[in-house]
Protein backbone atom coordinates (compact mmCIF):
# COMPACT_ATOMS: atom_id res chain seq x y z
CA UNK A 1 82.32 66.12 45.86
CA UNK A 2 80.71 67.44 42.68
CA UNK A 3 78.08 65.16 41.19
CA UNK A 4 77.55 64.86 37.45
CA UNK A 5 73.99 65.25 36.30
CA UNK A 6 72.65 63.76 33.07
CA UNK A 7 71.27 66.36 30.68
CA UNK A 8 67.50 66.76 30.72
CA UNK A 9 66.08 65.53 27.44
CA UNK A 10 63.10 67.04 25.65
CA UNK A 11 61.14 63.88 26.54
CA UNK A 12 61.95 64.37 30.25
CA UNK A 13 60.97 68.01 30.08
CA UNK A 14 57.60 67.15 28.50
CA UNK A 15 56.97 64.53 31.21
CA UNK A 16 57.69 67.08 33.93
CA UNK A 17 55.37 69.63 32.33
CA UNK A 18 52.62 67.00 32.10
CA UNK A 19 53.04 66.12 35.78
CA UNK A 20 52.76 69.75 36.82
CA UNK A 21 49.78 70.34 34.52
CA UNK A 22 47.94 67.26 35.76
CA UNK A 23 48.50 68.44 39.33
CA UNK A 24 46.99 71.81 38.53
CA UNK A 25 44.00 70.20 36.81
CA UNK A 26 43.48 67.80 39.72
CA UNK A 27 43.62 70.64 42.22
CA UNK A 28 41.13 72.66 40.19
CA UNK A 29 38.66 69.76 40.45
CA UNK A 30 38.82 69.68 44.26
CA UNK A 31 35.92 71.16 46.28
CA UNK A 32 36.44 74.72 47.48
CA UNK A 33 36.36 73.54 51.12
CA UNK A 34 39.26 71.15 50.49
CA UNK A 35 41.27 73.81 48.70
CA UNK A 36 40.63 76.21 51.58
CA UNK A 37 41.93 73.69 54.11
CA UNK A 38 44.99 72.96 51.97
CA UNK A 39 45.75 76.67 51.74
CA UNK A 40 45.26 77.12 55.48
CA UNK A 41 47.78 74.39 56.31
CA UNK A 42 50.30 75.87 53.87
CA UNK A 43 49.95 79.43 55.14
CA UNK A 44 47.44 80.29 57.89
CA UNK A 45 45.68 83.65 57.45
CA UNK A 46 46.47 86.52 59.78
CA UNK A 47 43.44 85.78 61.93
CA UNK A 48 43.05 82.09 62.59
CA UNK A 49 42.21 79.58 65.28
CA UNK A 50 42.60 75.83 65.26
CA UNK A 51 40.56 73.72 67.64
CA UNK A 52 41.26 70.05 68.29
CA UNK A 53 38.45 67.81 69.51
CA UNK A 54 39.04 64.28 70.71
CA UNK A 55 35.75 62.57 69.91
CA UNK A 56 36.71 58.91 69.82
CA UNK A 57 36.94 56.93 73.10
CA UNK A 58 40.53 56.63 74.24
CA UNK A 59 41.76 59.19 71.72
CA UNK A 60 45.47 60.09 71.87
CA UNK A 61 46.12 63.48 73.45
CA UNK A 62 49.61 63.42 71.94
CA UNK A 63 48.26 62.78 68.45
CA UNK A 64 45.54 65.41 68.79
CA UNK A 65 48.18 67.98 69.80
CA UNK A 66 50.31 67.10 66.80
CA UNK A 67 47.34 67.27 64.45
CA UNK A 68 46.35 70.73 65.72
CA UNK A 69 49.82 72.09 64.95
CA UNK A 70 49.84 70.30 61.61
CA UNK A 71 46.60 72.06 60.67
CA UNK A 72 48.21 75.41 61.59
CA UNK A 73 51.05 74.74 59.17
CA UNK A 74 53.43 72.87 61.48
CA UNK A 75 55.57 73.96 64.40
CA UNK A 76 58.30 74.92 61.93
CA UNK A 77 56.25 78.00 61.01
CA UNK A 78 56.68 79.30 64.55
CA UNK A 79 59.92 77.80 65.87
CA UNK A 80 63.19 78.14 63.95
CA UNK A 81 66.30 76.00 64.03
CA UNK A 82 68.53 77.02 66.95
CA UNK A 83 65.76 78.73 68.94
CA UNK A 84 65.59 78.61 72.72
CA UNK A 85 61.91 77.97 73.41
CA UNK A 86 60.18 78.42 76.76
CA UNK A 87 56.94 76.59 77.45
CA UNK A 88 54.94 78.61 80.00
CA UNK A 89 52.82 75.86 81.47
CA UNK A 90 50.54 76.17 84.47
CA UNK A 91 52.17 73.90 87.07
CA UNK A 92 51.60 76.16 90.06
CA UNK A 93 49.65 73.68 92.19
CA UNK A 94 50.76 70.33 93.60
CA UNK A 95 47.81 68.55 92.03
CA UNK A 96 47.75 65.36 89.98
CA UNK A 97 46.85 65.89 86.29
CA UNK A 98 43.38 64.33 86.63
CA UNK A 99 42.33 67.26 88.85
CA UNK A 100 42.72 69.79 85.98
CA UNK A 101 44.46 72.40 88.13
CA UNK A 102 47.56 72.23 85.93
CA UNK A 103 48.53 71.71 82.30
CA UNK A 104 48.08 68.16 81.03
CA UNK A 105 51.60 66.64 80.86
CA UNK A 106 50.68 64.73 77.68
CA UNK A 107 49.97 68.02 75.91
CA UNK A 108 53.17 69.51 77.31
CA UNK A 109 55.27 66.56 76.13
CA UNK A 110 53.80 66.67 72.62
CA UNK A 111 54.50 70.42 72.28
CA UNK A 112 58.09 69.95 73.44
CA UNK A 113 58.64 67.13 70.95
CA UNK A 114 57.29 69.30 68.13
CA UNK A 115 59.65 72.14 69.10
CA UNK A 116 62.59 69.74 69.11
CA UNK A 117 61.59 68.33 65.73
CA UNK A 118 61.44 71.90 64.38
CA UNK A 119 65.10 72.33 65.36
CA UNK A 120 64.91 74.13 68.70
CA UNK A 121 68.33 74.18 70.36
CA UNK A 122 66.78 74.05 73.81
CA UNK A 123 63.29 73.78 75.26
CA UNK A 124 62.59 74.93 78.80
CA UNK A 125 59.51 74.50 81.01
CA UNK A 126 58.90 77.48 83.29
CA UNK A 127 56.37 78.62 85.89
CA UNK A 128 56.73 80.56 89.12
CA UNK A 129 54.74 78.11 91.19
CA UNK A 130 52.45 78.83 94.14
CA UNK A 131 53.05 75.58 96.00
CA UNK A 132 56.63 74.34 96.55
CA UNK A 133 58.21 74.04 93.09
CA UNK A 134 59.81 70.63 93.62
CA UNK A 135 56.55 69.15 94.81
CA UNK A 136 54.61 70.79 91.96
CA UNK A 137 57.03 69.39 89.39
CA UNK A 138 56.73 65.87 90.80
CA UNK A 139 52.96 65.72 91.34
CA UNK A 140 51.86 67.45 88.11
CA UNK A 141 53.98 65.25 85.88
CA UNK A 142 56.22 68.10 84.68
CA UNK A 143 59.34 66.41 86.06
CA UNK A 144 58.48 63.23 84.17
CA UNK A 145 58.00 65.21 80.96
CA UNK A 146 61.40 66.84 81.39
CA UNK A 147 63.05 63.44 81.89
CA UNK A 148 61.28 61.92 78.88
CA UNK A 149 62.05 64.78 76.48
CA UNK A 150 65.33 66.19 77.78
CA UNK A 151 63.71 69.61 78.25
CA UNK A 152 65.03 71.86 81.01
CA UNK A 153 62.69 72.22 83.98
CA UNK A 154 63.43 75.68 85.40
CA UNK A 155 63.29 75.87 89.19
CA UNK A 156 62.15 79.41 90.11
CA UNK A 157 64.69 81.19 92.31
CA UNK A 158 65.02 84.76 93.52
CA UNK A 159 68.15 85.17 91.37
CA UNK A 160 65.97 84.64 88.28
CA UNK A 161 63.68 87.54 89.13
CA UNK A 162 64.57 90.96 87.73
CA UNK A 163 62.63 94.18 88.15
CA UNK A 164 61.38 95.39 84.82
CA UNK A 165 58.98 98.10 83.71
CA UNK A 166 55.83 96.43 82.42
CA UNK A 167 54.50 99.72 80.99
CA UNK A 168 50.99 98.63 81.90
CA UNK A 169 47.89 100.69 82.52
CA UNK A 170 48.07 99.62 86.17
CA UNK A 171 51.36 97.76 86.66
CA UNK A 172 54.69 99.50 86.26
CA UNK A 173 57.93 98.08 87.73
CA UNK A 174 57.56 94.46 88.75
CA UNK A 175 59.91 91.46 89.30
CA UNK A 176 59.82 89.32 86.16
CA UNK A 177 60.79 85.64 85.83
CA UNK A 178 63.70 86.15 83.42
CA UNK A 179 63.62 82.84 81.46
CA UNK A 180 60.39 84.09 79.89
CA UNK A 181 61.99 87.22 78.46
CA UNK A 182 65.33 85.68 77.53
CA UNK A 183 63.86 83.04 75.20
CA UNK A 184 63.72 83.32 71.43
CA UNK A 185 60.18 81.96 71.37
CA UNK A 186 57.56 81.61 74.11
CA UNK A 187 54.58 79.27 73.93
CA UNK A 188 51.81 79.89 76.45
CA UNK A 189 50.34 76.55 77.54
CA UNK A 190 47.63 77.15 80.17
CA UNK A 191 44.88 74.89 81.45
CA UNK A 192 41.29 76.13 81.25
CA UNK A 193 39.45 76.46 84.56
CA UNK A 194 37.19 78.64 86.67
CA UNK A 195 38.53 81.24 89.08
CA UNK A 196 36.92 82.87 92.08
CA UNK A 197 37.99 86.43 91.24
CA UNK A 198 38.43 86.58 87.47
CA UNK A 199 35.65 84.04 86.68
CA UNK A 200 37.99 82.12 84.38
CA UNK A 201 41.71 81.48 84.10
CA UNK A 202 42.80 80.87 80.52
CA UNK A 203 45.74 82.09 78.46
CA UNK A 204 46.17 85.69 79.52
CA UNK A 205 45.82 84.96 83.23
CA UNK A 206 48.58 82.35 82.97
CA UNK A 207 51.11 85.22 82.98
CA UNK A 208 50.59 85.77 86.70
CA UNK A 209 52.98 82.82 86.94
CA UNK A 210 55.52 84.85 84.97
CA UNK A 211 56.24 87.35 87.72
CA UNK A 212 57.18 87.41 91.39
CA UNK A 213 56.15 89.86 94.08
CA UNK A 214 52.88 90.10 95.98
CA UNK A 215 50.21 88.17 94.13
CA UNK A 216 47.60 89.75 96.40
CA UNK A 217 48.46 93.10 94.80
CA UNK A 218 47.89 91.60 91.36
CA UNK A 219 44.47 90.41 92.49
CA UNK A 220 43.40 93.98 93.11
CA UNK A 221 41.84 95.15 89.85
CA UNK A 222 42.69 91.66 88.63
CA UNK A 223 41.36 92.04 85.09
CA UNK A 224 43.58 95.03 84.31
CA UNK A 225 46.56 93.31 85.96
CA UNK A 226 46.03 90.28 83.72
CA UNK A 227 45.95 92.40 80.57
CA UNK A 228 49.02 94.41 81.64
CA UNK A 229 50.97 91.17 82.06
CA UNK A 230 49.70 89.77 78.76
CA UNK A 231 50.72 92.96 76.93
CA UNK A 232 54.21 92.66 78.38
CA UNK A 233 54.89 88.99 77.66
CA UNK A 234 53.23 88.67 74.22
CA UNK A 235 53.70 84.94 73.49
CA UNK A 236 54.30 83.72 69.97
CA UNK A 237 51.59 81.08 70.39
CA UNK A 238 48.90 80.18 72.88
CA UNK A 239 47.63 76.62 73.16
CA UNK A 240 44.83 76.24 75.70
CA UNK A 241 44.66 72.82 77.29
CA UNK A 242 40.97 72.03 77.65
CA UNK A 243 41.35 68.26 77.61
CA UNK A 244 40.08 68.38 81.19
CA UNK A 245 38.60 71.62 82.51
CA UNK A 246 37.89 72.66 86.08
CA UNK A 247 34.28 73.75 86.38
CA UNK A 248 34.11 74.38 90.15
CA UNK A 249 36.34 75.42 93.07
CA UNK A 250 39.04 76.95 90.90
CA UNK A 251 41.79 77.68 90.56
CA UNK A 252 43.24 74.92 92.75
CA UNK A 253 40.34 72.47 92.98
CA UNK A 254 41.18 69.19 94.63
CA UNK A 255 38.30 66.88 93.73
CA UNK A 256 37.52 64.96 90.55
CA UNK A 257 33.94 66.13 90.89
CA UNK A 258 35.23 69.63 90.00
CA UNK A 259 36.44 68.36 86.62
CA UNK A 260 34.78 67.78 83.25
CA UNK A 261 36.43 66.00 80.31
CA UNK A 262 36.17 68.43 77.40
CA UNK A 263 38.78 66.76 75.17
CA UNK A 264 39.69 70.00 73.39
CA UNK A 265 42.70 72.09 72.49
CA UNK A 266 42.59 75.67 71.16
CA UNK A 267 45.57 77.12 69.28
CA UNK A 268 46.17 80.64 68.00
CA UNK A 269 48.45 83.66 67.93
CA UNK A 270 45.83 86.18 69.12
CA UNK A 271 45.68 85.85 72.94
CA UNK A 272 42.32 87.58 73.21
CA UNK A 273 40.67 85.45 70.54
CA UNK A 274 41.99 82.21 72.01
CA UNK A 275 40.59 83.13 75.43
CA UNK A 276 37.33 84.27 73.85
CA UNK A 277 36.90 80.88 72.17
CA UNK A 278 37.76 79.02 75.38
CA UNK A 279 35.24 81.04 77.38
CA UNK A 280 32.51 79.35 75.36
CA UNK A 281 33.47 75.99 76.85
CA UNK A 282 32.16 77.33 80.16
CA UNK A 283 28.98 78.79 78.66
CA UNK A 284 30.39 82.32 78.92
CA UNK A 285 30.29 85.11 76.35
CA UNK A 286 33.69 86.79 75.80
CA UNK A 287 32.31 90.17 76.82
CA UNK A 288 31.23 88.70 80.17
CA UNK A 289 34.89 88.15 81.16
CA UNK A 290 36.62 91.36 82.26
CA UNK A 291 40.15 90.58 81.05
CA UNK A 292 38.90 89.45 77.63
CA UNK A 293 36.89 92.64 77.28
CA UNK A 294 39.88 94.77 78.37
CA UNK A 295 42.26 92.86 76.10
CA UNK A 296 40.02 93.79 73.19
CA UNK A 297 39.74 97.40 74.39
CA UNK A 298 43.51 97.87 74.65
CA UNK A 299 44.10 96.25 71.22
CA UNK A 300 45.96 93.23 72.56
CA UNK A 301 43.77 91.23 70.20
CA UNK A 302 40.11 90.90 69.35
CA UNK A 303 37.27 88.97 70.91
CA UNK A 304 35.17 89.16 67.73
CA UNK A 305 35.55 85.59 66.51
CA UNK A 306 33.66 86.37 63.29
CA UNK A 307 36.91 87.89 62.02
CA UNK A 308 38.76 84.59 62.30
CA UNK A 309 39.13 81.61 60.03
CA UNK A 310 38.45 78.72 62.37
CA UNK A 311 39.40 75.12 61.68
CA UNK A 312 38.47 72.05 63.73
CA UNK A 313 40.54 68.87 63.86
CA UNK A 314 38.79 65.77 65.17
CA UNK A 315 40.32 62.52 66.30
């Protein structure tokens, strides 16, 4: 039905002009730091990182996750209406969330909700688990997240593995977990922890859960294998869950004494930079971690954080 609109009078036009002008004047009076933050939220620069830090006792992980994405311009800048989105969480171990071996389910649930609010047609949670998948889903909280949000929890099966050429420097044809390559958008959602072979497991190493085959073979020359996988999958976003980090006996842990509450999240589109920032949580320099150094060398991203506009959200 066509609606009739009243003609705009000269008086109305002058009022509108005054409103716009006053807005411009008000904005011009704001401090440069405020203007910079406003511009960042509207359109993040090419090289950016957003870090969330829960500083208040009992802070909300869900709210911190939402605020981090809000600072980056909102999930709608990355997920479009009708997209099929896959969340590549780390749920490979049958460990309760407090042990920090797997992605915090509160972070996972918040990310899924944001994707749904952005108009995603379907959100799927995927990982090729090490322990029995059903048990991993139950113990880590992933099954509860799927029930609460309506997201699909993908049970890894041999029929979902397809041999593909990774075109890596070390890895060539390898069985790939197909939900990760069939999605419109992929969000990498790892947990930050130590690892016996690679020193750390962060965003790039999370892609070992994106393939099948002999993991022992991947552990040979592990740093190059990690970078080959990261070059192949190329997520649209990486959000590192460092709300609780494993500081000893990684990657599976098993004791709360192995865990430190860090209360942080790190978001970005550059997988090398995100890992480089997260390495600092463990007192490591980016260049001390082989896969970060190689990721920089092979132009997957950069570990030079001086090139990035970095914003911190506190709660």
